[in-house]
Amino acid sequence: MIRGIGVDTVDIERFARHLESAPALRARLFAPAERTLAVPSLAARFAAKEALVKALRGSGSLGWQDLVIERDADRAPAFAATPGLEQGLQALGIGRVHLSMTHDGGFATAFVVVEAREEGTV
């Protein structure tokens, strides 16, 4: 059962200006493996993190470093199973998170759908 849906859009140029004017922001918002990516990809990841918070109806105890996006073997994006995210999802009864990201035309957009954990699963 769907428990939440979130969407967020980021203006890539504006996001780049924020990263440039506040160098510590990159380290605050992104995990080490994400920090070297191009600005459009960072903007999409930031949109994804914001979309997840919207889908969950708040960040609770989650921090930016708990929300790490990686790609699977087919290059599909997914939130990494960090200890903080796993704990937060379990506390909310969330079993699965779906993520889609894109960047084009100067904007980055992400959609997140969270599903309830099925009864009888851990």
PDB file of N, CA and C in Angstrom:
ATOM      1  N   MET A   1       0.836  -1.167   0.000  1.00  0.00           N
ATOM      2  CA  MET A   1       0.000   0.000   0.000  1.00  0.00           C
ATOM      3  C   MET A   1       0.893   1.246   0.000  1.00  0.00           C
ATOM      4  N   ILE A   2       0.554   2.216  -0.816  1.00  0.00           N
ATOM      5  CA  ILE A   2       1.309   3.462  -0.877  1.00  0.00           C
ATOM      6  C   ILE A   2       1.051   4.270   0.391  1.00  0.00           C
ATOM      7  N   ARG A   3       2.128   4.701   1.029  1.00  0.00           N
ATOM      8  CA  ARG A   3       2.020   5.506   2.251  1.00  0.00           C
ATOM      9  C   ARG A   3       2.329   6.975   2.022  1.00  0.00           C
ATOM     10  N   GLY A   4       3.012   7.282   0.907  1.00  0.00           N
ATOM     11  CA  GLY A   4       3.338   8.674   0.635  1.00  0.00           C
ATOM     12  C   GLY A   4       3.947   8.862  -0.733  1.00  0.00           C
ATOM     13  N   ILE A   5       3.764  10.051  -1.271  1.00  0.00           N
ATOM     14  CA  ILE A   5       4.346  10.440  -2.555  1.00  0.00           C
ATOM     15  C   ILE A   5       4.977  11.808  -2.370  1.00  0.00           C
ATOM     16  N   GLY A   6       6.173  11.976  -2.899  1.00  0.00           N
ATOM     17  CA  GLY A   6       6.848  13.268  -2.820  1.00  0.00           C
ATOM     18  C   GLY A   6       7.456  13.637  -4.154  1.00  0.00           C
ATOM     19  N   VAL A   7       7.483  14.918  -4.441  1.00  0.00           N
ATOM     20  CA  VAL A   7       8.115  15.421  -5.659  1.00  0.00           C
ATOM     21  C   VAL A   7       8.829  16.718  -5.310  1.00  0.00           C
ATOM     22  N   ASP A   8       9.961  16.959  -5.979  1.00  0.00           N
ATOM     23  CA  ASP A   8      10.669  18.211  -5.779  1.00  0.00           C
ATOM     24  C   ASP A   8      11.388  18.573  -7.065  1.00  0.00           C
ATOM     25  N   THR A   9      11.471  19.878  -7.338  1.00  0.00           N
ATOM     26  CA  THR A   9      12.169  20.397  -8.508  1.00  0.00           C
ATOM     27  C   THR A   9      13.167  21.447  -8.057  1.00  0.00           C
ATOM     28  N   VAL A  10      14.363  21.403  -8.639  1.00  0.00           N
ATOM     29  CA  VAL A  10      15.443  22.309  -8.283  1.00  0.00           C
ATOM     30  C   VAL A  10      15.916  23.039  -9.539  1.00  0.00           C
ATOM     31  N   ASP A  11      16.058  24.351  -9.447  1.00  0.00           N
ATOM     32  CA  ASP A  11      16.659  25.149 -10.505  1.00  0.00           C
ATOM     33  C   ASP A  11      18.167  24.918 -10.435  1.00  0.00           C
ATOM     34  N   ILE A  12      18.745  24.314 -11.464  1.00  0.00           N
ATOM     35  CA  ILE A  12      20.144  23.897 -11.424  1.00  0.00           C
ATOM     36  C   ILE A  12      21.100  25.086 -11.290  1.00  0.00           C
ATOM     37  N   GLU A  13      20.868  26.171 -12.026  1.00  0.00           N
ATOM     38  CA  GLU A  13      21.749  27.338 -11.923  1.00  0.00           C
ATOM     39  C   GLU A  13      21.729  27.935 -10.523  1.00  0.00           C
ATOM     40  N   ARG A  14      20.554  28.049  -9.970  1.00  0.00           N
ATOM     41  CA  ARG A  14      20.417  28.599  -8.609  1.00  0.00           C
ATOM     42  C   ARG A  14      21.120  27.687  -7.600  1.00  0.00           C
ATOM     43  N   PHE A  15      20.948  26.376  -7.779  1.00  0.00           N
ATOM     44  CA  PHE A  15      21.598  25.412  -6.891  1.00  0.00           C
ATOM     45  C   PHE A  15      23.121  25.531  -6.998  1.00  0.00           C
ATOM     46  N   ALA A  16      23.631  25.692  -8.219  1.00  0.00           N
ATOM     47  CA  ALA A  16      25.074  25.854  -8.428  1.00  0.00           C
ATOM     48  C   ALA A  16      25.590  27.098  -7.716  1.00  0.00           C
ATOM     49  N   ARG A  17      24.830  28.180  -7.763  1.00  0.00           N
ATOM     50  CA  ARG A  17      25.240  29.410  -7.071  1.00  0.00           C
ATOM     51  C   ARG A  17      25.303  29.186  -5.564  1.00  0.00           C
ATOM     52  N   HIS A  18      24.340  28.444  -5.019  1.00  0.00           N
ATOM     53  CA  HIS A  18      24.357  28.140  -3.580  1.00  0.00           C
ATOM     54  C   HIS A  18      25.588  27.315  -3.209  1.00  0.00           C
ATOM     55  N   LEU A  19      25.902  26.314  -4.030  1.00  0.00           N
ATOM     56  CA  LEU A  19      27.079  25.488  -3.756  1.00  0.00           C
ATOM     57  C   LEU A  19      28.362  26.313  -3.837  1.00  0.00           C
ATOM     58  N   GLU A  20      28.399  27.243  -4.787  1.00  0.00           N
ATOM     59  CA  GLU A  20      29.589  28.079  -4.958  1.00  0.00           C
ATOM     60  C   GLU A  20      29.745  29.076  -3.816  1.00  0.00           C
ATOM     61  N   SER A  21      28.647  29.656  -3.381  1.00  0.00           N
ATOM     62  CA  SER A  21      28.726  30.677  -2.330  1.00  0.00           C
ATOM     63  C   SER A  21      28.906  30.085  -0.934  1.00  0.00           C
ATOM     64  N   ALA A  22      28.571  28.829  -0.754  1.00  0.00           N
ATOM     65  CA  ALA A  22      28.715  28.164   0.548  1.00  0.00           C
ATOM     66  C   ALA A  22      29.403  26.814   0.338  1.00  0.00           C
ATOM     67  N   PRO A  23      30.717  26.791   0.214  1.00  0.00           N
ATOM     68  CA  PRO A  23      31.443  25.553  -0.085  1.00  0.00           C
ATOM     69  C   PRO A  23      31.165  24.402   0.883  1.00  0.00           C
ATOM     70  N   ALA A  24      30.873  24.699   2.133  1.00  0.00           N
ATOM     71  CA  ALA A  24      30.602  23.637   3.116  1.00  0.00           C
ATOM     72  C   ALA A  24      29.272  22.934   2.849  1.00  0.00           C
ATOM     73  N   LEU A  25      28.424  23.544   2.040  1.00  0.00           N
ATOM     74  CA  LEU A  25      27.106  22.971   1.750  1.00  0.00           C
ATOM     75  C   LEU A  25      27.216  21.619   1.056  1.00  0.00           C
ATOM     76  N   ARG A  26      28.170  21.465   0.148  1.00  0.00           N
ATOM     77  CA  ARG A  26      28.343  20.203  -0.576  1.00  0.00           C
ATOM     78  C   ARG A  26      28.610  19.063   0.412  1.00  0.00           C
ATOM     79  N   ALA A  27      29.484  19.295   1.382  1.00  0.00           N
ATOM     80  CA  ALA A  27      29.805  18.258   2.375  1.00  0.00           C
ATOM     81  C   ALA A  27      28.639  18.017   3.330  1.00  0.00           C
ATOM     82  N   ARG A  28      27.860  19.048   3.596  1.00  0.00           N
ATOM     83  CA  ARG A  28      26.716  18.900   4.507  1.00  0.00           C
ATOM     84  C   ARG A  28      25.585  18.091   3.870  1.00  0.00           C
ATOM     85  N   LEU A  29      25.341  18.328   2.587  1.00  0.00           N
ATOM     86  CA  LEU A  29      24.190  17.713   1.918  1.00  0.00           C
ATOM     87  C   LEU A  29      24.466  16.347   1.306  1.00  0.00           C
ATOM     88  N   PHE A  30      25.742  16.075   0.979  1.00  0.00           N
ATOM     89  CA  PHE A  30      26.034  14.878   0.193  1.00  0.00           C
ATOM     90  C   PHE A  30      27.103  14.007   0.840  1.00  0.00           C
ATOM     91  N   ALA A  31      26.949  12.709   0.636  1.00  0.00           N
ATOM     92  CA  ALA A  31      27.931  11.735   1.104  1.00  0.00           C
ATOM     93  C   ALA A  31      29.190  11.859   0.241  1.00  0.00           C
ATOM     94  N   PRO A  32      30.340  11.405   0.745  1.00  0.00           N
ATOM     95  CA  PRO A  32      31.586  11.520  -0.020  1.00  0.00           C
ATOM     96  C   PRO A  32      31.478  10.999  -1.463  1.00  0.00           C
ATOM     97  N   ALA A  33      30.815   9.887  -1.672  1.00  0.00           N
ATOM     98  CA  ALA A  33      30.704   9.319  -3.018  1.00  0.00           C
ATOM     99  C   ALA A  33      29.867  10.187  -3.952  1.00  0.00           C
ATOM    100  N   GLU A  34      28.993  11.018  -3.405  1.00  0.00           N
ATOM    101  CA  GLU A  34      28.138  11.877  -4.224  1.00  0.00           C
ATOM    102  C   GLU A  34      28.810  13.208  -4.567  1.00  0.00           C
ATOM    103  N   ARG A  35      29.694  13.669  -3.728  1.00  0.00           N
ATOM    104  CA  ARG A  35      30.239  15.036  -3.823  1.00  0.00           C
ATOM    105  C   ARG A  35      30.977  15.347  -5.104  1.00  0.00           C
ATOM    106  N   THR A  36      31.515  14.349  -5.770  1.00  0.00           N
ATOM    107  CA  THR A  36      32.299  14.588  -6.984  1.00  0.00           C
ATOM    108  C   THR A  36      31.447  14.658  -8.243  1.00  0.00           C
ATOM    109  N   LEU A  37      30.155  14.424  -8.123  1.00  0.00           N
ATOM    110  CA  LEU A  37      29.278  14.440  -9.290  1.00  0.00           C
ATOM    111  C   LEU A  37      29.092  15.852  -9.828  1.00  0.00           C
ATOM    112  N   ALA A  38      28.692  15.939 -11.089  1.00  0.00           N
ATOM    113  CA  ALA A  38      28.405  17.226 -11.719  1.00  0.00           C
ATOM    114  C   ALA A  38      27.207  17.878 -11.041  1.00  0.00           C
ATOM    115  N   VAL A  39      27.144  19.195 -11.123  1.00  0.00           N
ATOM    116  CA  VAL A  39      26.075  19.955 -10.455  1.00  0.00           C
ATOM    117  C   VAL A  39      24.671  19.479 -10.852  1.00  0.00           C
ATOM    118  N   PRO A  40      24.369  19.204 -12.140  1.00  0.00           N
ATOM    119  CA  PRO A  40      23.016  18.719 -12.449  1.00  0.00           C
ATOM    120  C   PRO A  40      22.653  17.427 -11.703  1.00  0.00           C
ATOM    121  N   SER A  41      23.632  16.539 -11.566  1.00  0.00           N
ATOM    122  CA  SER A  41      23.378  15.299 -10.819  1.00  0.00           C
ATOM    123  C   SER A  41      23.208  15.567  -9.332  1.00  0.00           C
ATOM    124  N   LEU A  42      23.975  16.492  -8.795  1.00  0.00           N
ATOM    125  CA  LEU A  42      23.806  16.867  -7.387  1.00  0.00           C
ATOM    126  C   LEU A  42      22.434  17.499  -7.163  1.00  0.00           C
ATOM    127  N   ALA A  43      22.010  18.343  -8.089  1.00  0.00           N
ATOM    128  CA  ALA A  43      20.696  18.974  -7.965  1.00  0.00           C
ATOM    129  C   ALA A  43      19.593  17.921  -7.981  1.00  0.00           C
ATOM    130  N   ALA A  44      19.723  16.914  -8.836  1.00  0.00           N
ATOM    131  CA  ALA A  44      18.727  15.839  -8.889  1.00  0.00           C
ATOM    132  C   ALA A  44      18.719  15.052  -7.580  1.00  0.00           C
ATOM    133  N   ARG A  45      19.888  14.807  -7.014  1.00  0.00           N
ATOM    134  CA  ARG A  45      19.963  14.086  -5.747  1.00  0.00           C
ATOM    135  C   ARG A  45      19.380  14.915  -4.604  1.00  0.00           C
ATOM    136  N   PHE A  46      19.631  16.205  -4.627  1.00  0.00           N
ATOM    137  CA  PHE A  46      19.028  17.060  -3.610  1.00  0.00           C
ATOM    138  C   PHE A  46      17.499  17.032  -3.751  1.00  0.00           C
ATOM    139  N   ALA A  47      17.000  17.110  -4.968  1.00  0.00           N
ATOM    140  CA  ALA A  47      15.549  17.025  -5.190  1.00  0.00           C
ATOM    141  C   ALA A  47      15.006  15.694  -4.680  1.00  0.00           C
ATOM    142  N   ALA A  48      15.764  14.615  -4.883  1.00  0.00           N
ATOM    143  CA  ALA A  48      15.327  13.295  -4.418  1.00  0.00           C
ATOM    144  C   ALA A  48      15.233  13.240  -2.900  1.00  0.00           C
ATOM    145  N   LYS A  49      16.223  13.824  -2.236  1.00  0.00           N
ATOM    146  CA  LYS A  49      16.219  13.829  -0.772  1.00  0.00           C
ATOM    147  C   LYS A  49      15.033  14.641  -0.245  1.00  0.00           C
ATOM    148  N   GLU A  50      14.775  15.779  -0.870  1.00  0.00           N
ATOM    149  CA  GLU A  50      13.623  16.597  -0.482  1.00  0.00           C
ATOM    150  C   GLU A  50      12.309  15.863  -0.772  1.00  0.00           C
ATOM    151  N   ALA A  51      12.232  15.175  -1.901  1.00  0.00           N
ATOM    152  CA  ALA A  51      11.018  14.429  -2.258  1.00  0.00           C
ATOM    153  C   ALA A  51      10.761  13.300  -1.255  1.00  0.00           C
ATOM    154  N   LEU A  52      11.825  12.640  -0.787  1.00  0.00           N
ATOM    155  CA  LEU A  52      11.642  11.583   0.217  1.00  0.00           C
ATOM    156  C   LEU A  52      11.091  12.164   1.510  1.00  0.00           C
ATOM    157  N   VAL A  53      11.638  13.285   1.936  1.00  0.00           N
ATOM    158  CA  VAL A  53      11.141  13.920   3.166  1.00  0.00           C
ATOM    159  C   VAL A  53       9.663  14.268   3.016  1.00  0.00           C
ATOM    160  N   LYS A  54       9.267  14.744   1.853  1.00  0.00           N
ATOM    161  CA  LYS A  54       7.851  15.054   1.608  1.00  0.00           C
ATOM    162  C   LYS A  54       7.000  13.789   1.644  1.00  0.00           C
ATOM    163  N   ALA A  55       7.488  12.713   1.023  1.00  0.00           N
ATOM    164  CA  ALA A  55       6.743  11.452   1.010  1.00  0.00           C
ATOM    165  C   ALA A  55       6.573  10.886   2.412  1.00  0.00           C
ATOM    166  N   LEU A  56       7.580  11.113   3.260  1.00  0.00           N
ATOM    167  CA  LEU A  56       7.526  10.622   4.641  1.00  0.00           C
ATOM    168  C   LEU A  56       6.791  11.589   5.568  1.00  0.00           C
ATOM    169  N   ARG A  57       6.415  12.749   5.039  1.00  0.00           N
ATOM    170  CA  ARG A  57       5.740  13.811   5.793  1.00  0.00           C
ATOM    171  C   ARG A  57       6.611  14.370   6.903  1.00  0.00           C
ATOM    172  N   GLY A  58       7.896  14.477   6.603  1.00  0.00           N
ATOM    173  CA  GLY A  58       8.840  15.053   7.561  1.00  0.00           C
ATOM    174  C   GLY A  58      10.111  14.242   7.607  1.00  0.00           C
ATOM    175  N   SER A  59      11.156  14.854   8.142  1.00  0.00           N
ATOM    176  CA  SER A  59      12.451  14.174   8.176  1.00  0.00           C
ATOM    177  C   SER A  59      12.655  13.361   9.439  1.00  0.00           C
ATOM    178  N   GLY A  60      11.855  13.608  10.474  1.00  0.00           N
ATOM    179  CA  GLY A  60      12.047  12.880  11.720  1.00  0.00           C
ATOM    180  C   GLY A  60      13.475  13.008  12.190  1.00  0.00           C
ATOM    181  N   SER A  61      14.117  11.887  12.448  1.00  0.00           N
ATOM    182  CA  SER A  61      15.504  11.904  12.917  1.00  0.00           C
ATOM    183  C   SER A  61      16.510  11.776  11.773  1.00  0.00           C
ATOM    184  N   LEU A  62      16.025  11.759  10.533  1.00  0.00           N
ATOM    185  CA  LEU A  62      16.916  11.596   9.386  1.00  0.00           C
ATOM    186  C   LEU A  62      17.741  12.850   9.136  1.00  0.00           C
ATOM    187  N   GLY A  63      19.005  12.634   8.850  1.00  0.00           N
ATOM    188  CA  GLY A  63      19.893  13.726   8.464  1.00  0.00           C
ATOM    189  C   GLY A  63      20.285  13.574   7.004  1.00  0.00           C
ATOM    190  N   TRP A  64      20.902  14.616   6.448  1.00  0.00           N
ATOM    191  CA  TRP A  64      21.291  14.578   5.044  1.00  0.00           C
ATOM    192  C   TRP A  64      22.203  13.392   4.743  1.00  0.00           C
ATOM    193  N   GLN A  65      23.093  13.042   5.667  1.00  0.00           N
ATOM    194  CA  GLN A  65      24.043  11.953   5.431  1.00  0.00           C
ATOM    195  C   GLN A  65      23.379  10.577   5.500  1.00  0.00           C
ATOM    196  N   ASP A  66      22.148  10.512   6.005  1.00  0.00           N
ATOM    197  CA  ASP A  66      21.386   9.260   6.003  1.00  0.00           C
ATOM    198  C   ASP A  66      20.772   9.000   4.631  1.00  0.00           C
ATOM    199  N   LEU A  67      20.660  10.048   3.825  1.00  0.00           N
ATOM    200  CA  LEU A  67      19.990   9.963   2.527  1.00  0.00           C
ATOM    201  C   LEU A  67      21.041   9.991   1.422  1.00  0.00           C
ATOM    202  N   VAL A  68      21.470   8.817   1.019  1.00  0.00           N
ATOM    203  CA  VAL A  68      22.511   8.672   0.010  1.00  0.00           C
ATOM    204  C   VAL A  68      21.911   7.971  -1.199  1.00  0.00           C
ATOM    205  N   ILE A  69      22.134   8.536  -2.369  1.00  0.00           N
ATOM    206  CA  ILE A  69      21.573   7.944  -3.583  1.00  0.00           C
ATOM    207  C   ILE A  69      22.681   7.268  -4.359  1.00  0.00           C
ATOM    208  N   GLU A  70      22.410   6.051  -4.759  1.00  0.00           N
ATOM    209  CA  GLU A  70      23.352   5.287  -5.571  1.00  0.00           C
ATOM    210  C   GLU A  70      22.593   4.692  -6.759  1.00  0.00           C
ATOM    211  N   ARG A  71      23.319   4.101  -7.670  1.00  0.00           N
ATOM    212  CA  ARG A  71      22.700   3.471  -8.838  1.00  0.00           C
ATOM    213  C   ARG A  71      22.962   1.971  -8.783  1.00  0.00           C
ATOM    214  N   ASP A  72      21.961   1.195  -9.203  1.00  0.00           N
ATOM    215  CA  ASP A  72      22.141  -0.253  -9.229  1.00  0.00           C
ATOM    216  C   ASP A  72      22.835  -0.670 -10.529  1.00  0.00           C
ATOM    217  N   ALA A  73      22.949  -1.958 -10.765  1.00  0.00           N
ATOM    218  CA  ALA A  73      23.656  -2.468 -11.948  1.00  0.00           C
ATOM    219  C   ALA A  73      23.028  -1.975 -13.248  1.00  0.00           C
ATOM    220  N   ASP A  74      21.733  -1.707 -13.228  1.00  0.00           N
ATOM    221  CA  ASP A  74      21.039  -1.202 -14.422  1.00  0.00           C
ATOM    222  C   ASP A  74      21.018   0.323 -14.475  1.00  0.00           C
ATOM    223  N   ARG A  75      21.740   0.969 -13.571  1.00  0.00           N
ATOM    224  CA  ARG A  75      21.849   2.421 -13.447  1.00  0.00           C
ATOM    225  C   ARG A  75      20.578   3.088 -12.925  1.00  0.00           C
ATOM    226  N   ALA A  76      19.669   2.321 -12.365  1.00  0.00           N
ATOM    227  CA  ALA A  76      18.464   2.885 -11.762  1.00  0.00           C
ATOM    228  C   ALA A  76      18.837   3.485 -10.412  1.00  0.00           C
ATOM    229  N   PRO A  77      18.365   4.696 -10.106  1.00  0.00           N
ATOM    230  CA  PRO A  77      18.707   5.313  -8.819  1.00  0.00           C
ATOM    231  C   PRO A  77      17.924   4.686  -7.675  1.00  0.00           C
ATOM    232  N   ALA A  78      18.550   4.672  -6.508  1.00  0.00           N
ATOM    233  CA  ALA A  78      17.898   4.153  -5.305  1.00  0.00           C
ATOM    234  C   ALA A  78      18.563   4.776  -4.086  1.00  0.00           C
ATOM    235  N   PHE A  79      17.822   4.859  -3.001  1.00  0.00           N
ATOM    236  CA  PHE A  79      18.409   5.303  -1.743  1.00  0.00           C
ATOM    237  C   PHE A  79      19.202   4.144  -1.153  1.00  0.00           C
ATOM    238  N   ALA A  80      20.435   4.417  -0.768  1.00  0.00           N
ATOM    239  CA  ALA A  80      21.277   3.401  -0.141  1.00  0.00           C
ATOM    240  C   ALA A  80      20.699   3.043   1.220  1.00  0.00           C
ATOM    241  N   ALA A  81      20.910   1.809   1.615  1.00  0.00           N
ATOM    242  CA  ALA A  81      20.395   1.322   2.900  1.00  0.00           C
ATOM    243  C   ALA A  81      21.334   1.730   4.032  1.00  0.00           C
ATOM    244  N   THR A  82      21.409   3.041   4.298  1.00  0.00           N
ATOM    245  CA  THR A  82      22.232   3.515   5.408  1.00  0.00           C
ATOM    246  C   THR A  82      21.546   3.141   6.721  1.00  0.00           C
ATOM    247  N   PRO A  83      22.303   2.980   7.794  1.00  0.00           N
ATOM    248  CA  PRO A  83      21.678   2.630   9.073  1.00  0.00           C
ATOM    249  C   PRO A  83      20.597   3.634   9.501  1.00  0.00           C
ATOM    250  N   GLY A  84      20.855   4.924   9.325  1.00  0.00           N
ATOM    251  CA  GLY A  84      19.876   5.938   9.723  1.00  0.00           C
ATOM    252  C   GLY A  84      18.595   5.843   8.922  1.00  0.00           C
ATOM    253  N   LEU A  85      18.712   5.643   7.605  1.00  0.00           N
ATOM    254  CA  LEU A  85      17.510   5.532   6.771  1.00  0.00           C
ATOM    255  C   LEU A  85      16.748   4.261   7.110  1.00  0.00           C
ATOM    256  N   GLU A  86      17.464   3.152   7.252  1.00  0.00           N
ATOM    257  CA  GLU A  86      16.796   1.886   7.592  1.00  0.00           C
ATOM    258  C   GLU A  86      16.017   2.007   8.897  1.00  0.00           C
ATOM    259  N   GLN A  87      16.632   2.617   9.897  1.00  0.00           N
ATOM    260  CA  GLN A  87      15.973   2.790  11.191  1.00  0.00           C
ATOM    261  C   GLN A  87      14.746   3.701  11.056  1.00  0.00           C
ATOM    262  N   GLY A  88      14.891   4.800  10.319  1.00  0.00           N
ATOM    263  CA  GLY A  88      13.775   5.720  10.128  1.00  0.00           C
ATOM    264  C   GLY A  88      12.614   5.091   9.386  1.00  0.00           C
ATOM    265  N   LEU A  89      12.909   4.329   8.335  1.00  0.00           N
ATOM    266  CA  LEU A  89      11.850   3.667   7.568  1.00  0.00           C
ATOM    267  C   LEU A  89      11.153   2.602   8.397  1.00  0.00           C
ATOM    268  N   GLN A  90      11.936   1.859   9.155  1.00  0.00           N
ATOM    269  CA  GLN A  90      11.345   0.813  10.002  1.00  0.00           C
ATOM    270  C   GLN A  90      10.406   1.430  11.034  1.00  0.00           C
ATOM    271  N   ALA A  91      10.821   2.534  11.637  1.00  0.00           N
ATOM    272  CA  ALA A  91       9.982   3.185  12.647  1.00  0.00           C
ATOM    273  C   ALA A  91       8.656   3.668  12.055  1.00  0.00           C
ATOM    274  N   LEU A  92       8.662   4.002  10.775  1.00  0.00           N
ATOM    275  CA  LEU A  92       7.443   4.486  10.114  1.00  0.00           C
ATOM    276  C   LEU A  92       6.654   3.375   9.434  1.00  0.00           C
ATOM    277  N   GLY A  93       7.172   2.159   9.484  1.00  0.00           N
ATOM    278  CA  GLY A  93       6.476   1.046   8.850  1.00  0.00           C
ATOM    279  C   GLY A  93       6.598   1.062   7.333  1.00  0.00           C
ATOM    280  N   ILE A  94       7.682   1.658   6.823  1.00  0.00           N
ATOM    281  CA  ILE A  94       7.903   1.733   5.380  1.00  0.00           C
ATOM    282  C   ILE A  94       8.751   0.546   4.947  1.00  0.00           C
ATOM    283  N   GLY A  95       8.299  -0.157   3.927  1.00  0.00           N
ATOM    284  CA  GLY A  95       9.011  -1.328   3.446  1.00  0.00           C
ATOM    285  C   GLY A  95       9.778  -1.109   2.162  1.00  0.00           C
ATOM    286  N   ARG A  96       9.331  -0.145   1.352  1.00  0.00           N
ATOM    287  CA  ARG A  96       9.987   0.055   0.058  1.00  0.00           C
ATOM    288  C   ARG A  96       9.905   1.512  -0.361  1.00  0.00           C
ATOM    289  N   VAL A  97      10.986   1.984  -0.989  1.00  0.00           N
ATOM    290  CA  VAL A  97      11.058   3.355  -1.494  1.00  0.00           C
ATOM    291  C   VAL A  97      11.361   3.292  -2.986  1.00  0.00           C
ATOM    292  N   HIS A  98      10.537   3.937  -3.784  1.00  0.00           N
ATOM    293  CA  HIS A  98      10.740   4.017  -5.236  1.00  0.00           C
ATOM    294  C   HIS A  98      11.233   5.427  -5.555  1.00  0.00           C
ATOM    295  N   LEU A  99      12.216   5.535  -6.450  1.00  0.00           N
ATOM    296  CA  LEU A  99      12.808   6.822  -6.788  1.00  0.00           C
ATOM    297  C   LEU A  99      12.991   6.958  -8.288  1.00  0.00           C
ATOM    298  N   SER A 100      12.630   8.128  -8.802  1.00  0.00           N
ATOM    299  CA  SER A 100      12.923   8.486 -10.186  1.00  0.00           C
ATOM    300  C   SER A 100      13.456   9.913 -10.189  1.00  0.00           C
ATOM    301  N   MET A 101      14.552  10.131 -10.956  1.00  0.00           N
ATOM    302  CA  MET A 101      15.172  11.458 -11.029  1.00  0.00           C
ATOM    303  C   MET A 101      15.438  11.802 -12.487  1.00  0.00           C
ATOM    304  N   THR A 102      15.445  13.109 -12.771  1.00  0.00           N
ATOM    305  CA  THR A 102      15.815  13.578 -14.097  1.00  0.00           C
ATOM    306  C   THR A 102      16.357  14.990 -13.994  1.00  0.00           C
ATOM    307  N   HIS A 103      17.157  15.386 -14.976  1.00  0.00           N
ATOM    308  CA  HIS A 103      17.552  16.792 -15.085  1.00  0.00           C
ATOM    309  C   HIS A 103      17.618  17.141 -16.567  1.00  0.00           C
ATOM    310  N   ASP A 104      16.952  18.251 -16.911  1.00  0.00           N
ATOM    311  CA  ASP A 104      16.880  18.711 -18.286  1.00  0.00           C
ATOM    312  C   ASP A 104      16.336  20.133 -18.288  1.00  0.00           C
ATOM    313  N   GLY A 105      16.720  20.914 -19.263  1.00  0.00           N
ATOM    314  CA  GLY A 105      16.175  22.256 -19.409  1.00  0.00           C
ATOM    315  C   GLY A 105      16.446  23.171 -18.239  1.00  0.00           C
ATOM    316  N   GLY A 106      17.540  22.929 -17.519  1.00  0.00           N
ATOM    317  CA  GLY A 106      17.888  23.794 -16.405  1.00  0.00           C
ATOM    318  C   GLY A 106      17.243  23.427 -15.081  1.00  0.00           C
ATOM    319  N   PHE A 107      16.491  22.338 -15.052  1.00  0.00           N
ATOM    320  CA  PHE A 107      15.828  21.915 -13.817  1.00  0.00           C
ATOM    321  C   PHE A 107      16.114  20.446 -13.539  1.00  0.00           C
ATOM    322  N   ALA A 108      16.140  20.103 -12.261  1.00  0.00           N
ATOM    323  CA  ALA A 108      16.264  18.714 -11.810  1.00  0.00           C
ATOM    324  C   ALA A 108      15.004  18.388 -11.024  1.00  0.00           C
ATOM    325  N   THR A 109      14.427  17.234 -11.305  1.00  0.00           N
ATOM    326  CA  THR A 109      13.185  16.833 -10.641  1.00  0.00           C
ATOM    327  C   THR A 109      13.313  15.403 -10.151  1.00  0.00           C
ATOM    328  N   ALA A 110      12.694  15.125  -9.015  1.00  0.00           N
ATOM    329  CA  ALA A 110      12.679  13.766  -8.472  1.00  0.00           C
ATOM    330  C   ALA A 110      11.288  13.443  -7.936  1.00  0.00           C
ATOM    331  N   PHE A 111      10.904  12.190  -8.112  1.00  0.00           N
ATOM    332  CA  PHE A 111       9.664  11.652  -7.571  1.00  0.00           C
ATOM    333  C   PHE A 111      10.000  10.493  -6.651  1.00  0.00           C
ATOM    334  N   VAL A 112       9.316  10.424  -5.521  1.00  0.00           N
ATOM    335  CA  VAL A 112       9.504   9.331  -4.572  1.00  0.00           C
ATOM    336  C   VAL A 112       8.136   8.803  -4.165  1.00  0.00           C
ATOM    337  N   VAL A 113       8.037   7.484  -4.138  1.00  0.00           N
ATOM    338  CA  VAL A 113       6.831   6.806  -3.624  1.00  0.00           C
ATOM    339  C   VAL A 113       7.298   5.859  -2.528  1.00  0.00           C
ATOM    340  N   VAL A 114       6.654   5.930  -1.358  1.00  0.00           N
ATOM    341  CA  VAL A 114       6.991   5.011  -0.277  1.00  0.00           C
ATOM    342  C   VAL A 114       5.810   4.071  -0.041  1.00  0.00           C
ATOM    343  N   GLU A 115       6.158   2.806   0.157  1.00  0.00           N
ATOM    344  CA  GLU A 115       5.143   1.772   0.396  1.00  0.00           C
ATOM    345  C   GLU A 115       5.251   1.253   1.819  1.00  0.00           C
ATOM    346  N   ALA A 116       4.114   0.879   2.366  1.00  0.00           N
ATOM    347  CA  ALA A 116       4.073   0.288   3.708  1.00  0.00           C
ATOM    348  C   ALA A 116       4.773  -1.068   3.688  1.00  0.00           C
ATOM    349  N   ARG A 117       5.354  -1.410   4.809  1.00  0.00           N
ATOM    350  CA  ARG A 117       5.942  -2.721   4.974  1.00  0.00           C
ATOM    351  C   ARG A 117       4.826  -3.750   5.018  1.00  0.00           C
ATOM    352  N   GLU A 118       5.005  -4.856   4.316  1.00  0.00           N
ATOM    353  CA  GLU A 118       3.990  -5.906   4.326  1.00  0.00           C
ATOM    354  C   GLU A 118       4.004  -6.595   5.683  1.00  0.00           C
ATOM    355  N   GLU A 119       2.826  -6.969   6.144  1.00  0.00           N
ATOM    356  CA  GLU A 119       2.745  -7.655   7.439  1.00  0.00           C
ATOM    357  C   GLU A 119       3.531  -8.958   7.377  1.00  0.00           C
ATOM    358  N   GLY A 120       4.225  -9.250   8.459  1.00  0.00           N
ATOM    359  CA  GLY A 120       5.000 -10.476   8.534  1.00  0.00           C
ATOM    360  C   GLY A 120       6.420 -10.329   8.021  1.00  0.00           C
ATOM    361  N   THR A 121       6.792  -9.116   7.534  1.00  0.00           N
ATOM    362  CA  THR A 121       8.167  -8.907   7.097  1.00  0.00           C
ATOM    363  C   THR A 121       8.894  -8.058   8.125  1.00  0.00           C
ATOM    364  N   VAL A 122      10.190  -8.142   8.108  1.00  0.00           N
ATOM    365  CA  VAL A 122      11.016  -7.398   9.071  1.00  0.00           C
ATOM    366  C   VAL A 122      11.350  -6.035   8.523  1.00  0.00           C
TER     367      VAL A 122
END
